[in-house]
């Protein structure tokens, strides 16, 4: 099990993104920082589903698709790092708003240290579907 402090280190790893070919399509393997930057770009009060996020990341980086496994892994990394920042005193406005992509139906949400109630309350506060 990953310790809390490891999430922030994982988020800031300097690993560059890469590509691979799958089913004849160029597939983006995003970094945690790319996912974090995308989440930070989603305006308050607006939700984006994971499918749309992957499509936008691919398009912005010259790929046709984005790896679902890598994206899911990094979504959790970003959310856990943001939660750790919040536990350490950062305001909700200062952390990455992962609840704008993760909702109660997203499988990753069930595994988050913050719990599903936190995600639901943030989504409700922004007028998004819980």
Protein backbone atom coordinates (compact mmCIF):
# COMPACT_ATOMS: atom_id res chain seq x y z
CA UNK A 1 0.00 0.00 0.00
CA UNK A 2 1.31 3.42 -0.92
CA UNK A 3 1.98 5.85 1.91
CA UNK A 4 0.40 9.30 1.75
CA UNK A 5 3.68 11.14 1.18
CA UNK A 6 4.46 8.97 -1.86
CA UNK A 7 1.52 10.39 -3.86
CA UNK A 8 3.04 13.86 -4.16
CA UNK A 9 6.40 12.42 -5.20
CA UNK A 10 4.64 10.30 -7.83
CA UNK A 11 2.80 13.36 -9.14
CA UNK A 12 6.03 15.28 -9.59
CA UNK A 13 8.08 12.53 -11.28
CA UNK A 14 9.87 14.05 -14.27
CA UNK A 15 8.91 11.17 -16.58
CA UNK A 16 8.06 12.42 -20.08
CA UNK A 17 4.90 11.28 -21.82
CA UNK A 18 5.26 8.71 -24.54
CA UNK A 19 3.34 7.00 -27.30
CA UNK A 20 2.74 3.49 -28.46
CA UNK A 21 0.77 1.98 -31.29
CA UNK A 22 -2.30 -0.05 -30.39
CA UNK A 23 -4.67 -1.41 -33.01
CA UNK A 24 -3.01 0.83 -35.58
CA UNK A 25 -3.63 3.99 -33.56
CA UNK A 26 -1.08 6.21 -31.87
CA UNK A 27 -1.87 6.05 -28.15
CA UNK A 28 -0.74 8.67 -25.65
CA UNK A 29 0.72 7.46 -22.37
CA UNK A 30 0.21 10.61 -20.30
CA UNK A 31 2.18 11.66 -17.25
CA UNK A 32 0.61 12.43 -13.89
CA UNK A 33 1.49 16.09 -14.46
CA UNK A 34 -0.43 16.11 -17.77
CA UNK A 35 -3.49 14.73 -16.00
CA UNK A 36 -3.06 17.26 -13.18
CA UNK A 37 -2.77 20.14 -15.65
CA UNK A 38 -5.90 18.97 -17.45
CA UNK A 39 -7.90 18.73 -14.20
CA UNK A 40 -6.76 22.20 -13.17
CA UNK A 41 -8.02 23.55 -16.51
CA UNK A 42 -11.61 22.40 -15.91
CA UNK A 43 -13.56 25.46 -14.75
CA UNK A 44 -15.40 25.50 -11.44
CA UNK A 45 -18.98 24.30 -11.90
CA UNK A 46 -18.16 22.22 -14.98
CA UNK A 47 -17.72 18.46 -15.10
CA UNK A 48 -15.80 16.45 -17.69
CA UNK A 49 -16.05 12.67 -17.84
CA UNK A 50 -13.00 10.46 -18.12
CA UNK A 51 -13.78 9.58 -21.74
CA UNK A 52 -13.84 13.25 -22.75
CA UNK A 53 -10.65 13.94 -20.78
CA UNK A 54 -8.83 11.12 -22.60
CA UNK A 55 -10.05 12.39 -25.98
CA UNK A 56 -8.91 15.94 -25.23
CA UNK A 57 -5.51 14.79 -23.93
CA UNK A 58 -4.97 12.70 -27.06
CA UNK A 59 -5.96 15.52 -29.40
CA UNK A 60 -3.79 18.06 -27.57
CA UNK A 61 -0.77 15.77 -27.83
CA UNK A 62 -1.02 14.53 -31.41
CA UNK A 63 -2.39 11.09 -30.58
CA UNK A 64 -5.58 9.33 -31.57
CA UNK A 65 -6.35 7.79 -28.18
CA UNK A 66 -5.10 7.95 -24.59
CA UNK A 67 -4.19 4.84 -22.61
CA UNK A 68 -7.05 4.07 -20.23
CA UNK A 69 -4.85 2.21 -17.74
CA UNK A 70 -2.20 4.93 -17.49
CA UNK A 71 -4.87 7.61 -17.29
CA UNK A 72 -6.73 5.81 -14.49
CA UNK A 73 -3.52 5.28 -12.56
CA UNK A 74 -2.60 8.95 -12.83
CA UNK A 75 -6.10 10.12 -11.96
CA UNK A 76 -5.70 8.37 -8.63
CA UNK A 77 -2.20 9.77 -8.17
CA UNK A 78 -3.44 13.32 -8.76
CA UNK A 79 -6.47 12.91 -6.50
CA UNK A 80 -4.45 11.40 -3.65
CA UNK A 81 -1.76 14.10 -3.92
CA UNK A 82 -4.45 16.81 -3.86
CA UNK A 83 -6.11 15.22 -0.86
CA UNK A 84 -2.78 15.09 0.96
CA UNK A 85 -2.24 18.78 0.21
CA UNK A 86 -5.69 19.53 1.62
CA UNK A 87 -4.99 17.49 4.77
CA UNK A 88 -1.80 19.52 5.18
CA UNK A 89 -3.74 22.78 5.15
CA UNK A 90 -4.20 23.75 1.50
CA UNK A 91 -7.58 25.27 0.74
CA UNK A 92 -9.93 23.54 -1.69
CA UNK A 93 -9.31 26.35 -4.17
CA UNK A 94 -5.57 25.61 -4.08
CA UNK A 95 -5.71 21.87 -4.77
CA UNK A 96 -6.38 20.08 -8.04
CA UNK A 97 -10.19 19.76 -8.41
CA UNK A 98 -10.25 16.03 -9.15
CA UNK A 99 -13.98 15.85 -8.35
CA UNK A 100 -14.69 17.61 -11.65
CA UNK A 101 -13.71 14.40 -13.47
CA UNK A 102 -14.14 11.70 -10.82
CA UNK A 103 -17.70 11.03 -9.74
CA UNK A 104 -19.41 8.35 -7.68
CA UNK A 105 -19.67 6.04 -10.70
CA UNK A 106 -15.97 6.24 -11.58
CA UNK A 107 -14.26 3.08 -10.23
CA UNK A 108 -11.23 5.04 -9.01
CA UNK A 109 -13.38 7.10 -6.64
CA UNK A 110 -14.10 4.08 -4.41
CA UNK A 111 -10.38 3.67 -3.66
CA UNK A 112 -9.59 7.28 -2.74
CA UNK A 113 -8.42 8.13 0.78
CA UNK A 114 -10.80 11.10 0.86
CA UNK A 115 -13.81 8.82 0.51
CA UNK A 116 -16.78 9.01 -1.76
CA UNK A 117 -18.60 11.42 0.55
CA UNK A 118 -15.94 14.09 0.00
CA UNK A 119 -16.20 13.73 -3.80
CA UNK A 120 -20.00 13.85 -3.60
CA UNK A 121 -20.00 16.95 -1.38
CA UNK A 122 -17.58 18.82 -3.67
CA UNK A 123 -19.62 17.93 -6.75
CA UNK A 124 -22.84 19.06 -5.05
CA UNK A 125 -21.19 22.30 -3.88
CA UNK A 126 -20.27 23.08 -7.52
CA UNK A 127 -23.71 22.14 -8.86
CA UNK A 128 -22.50 18.95 -10.52
CA UNK A 129 -24.22 15.57 -10.40
CA UNK A 130 -22.89 13.60 -7.45
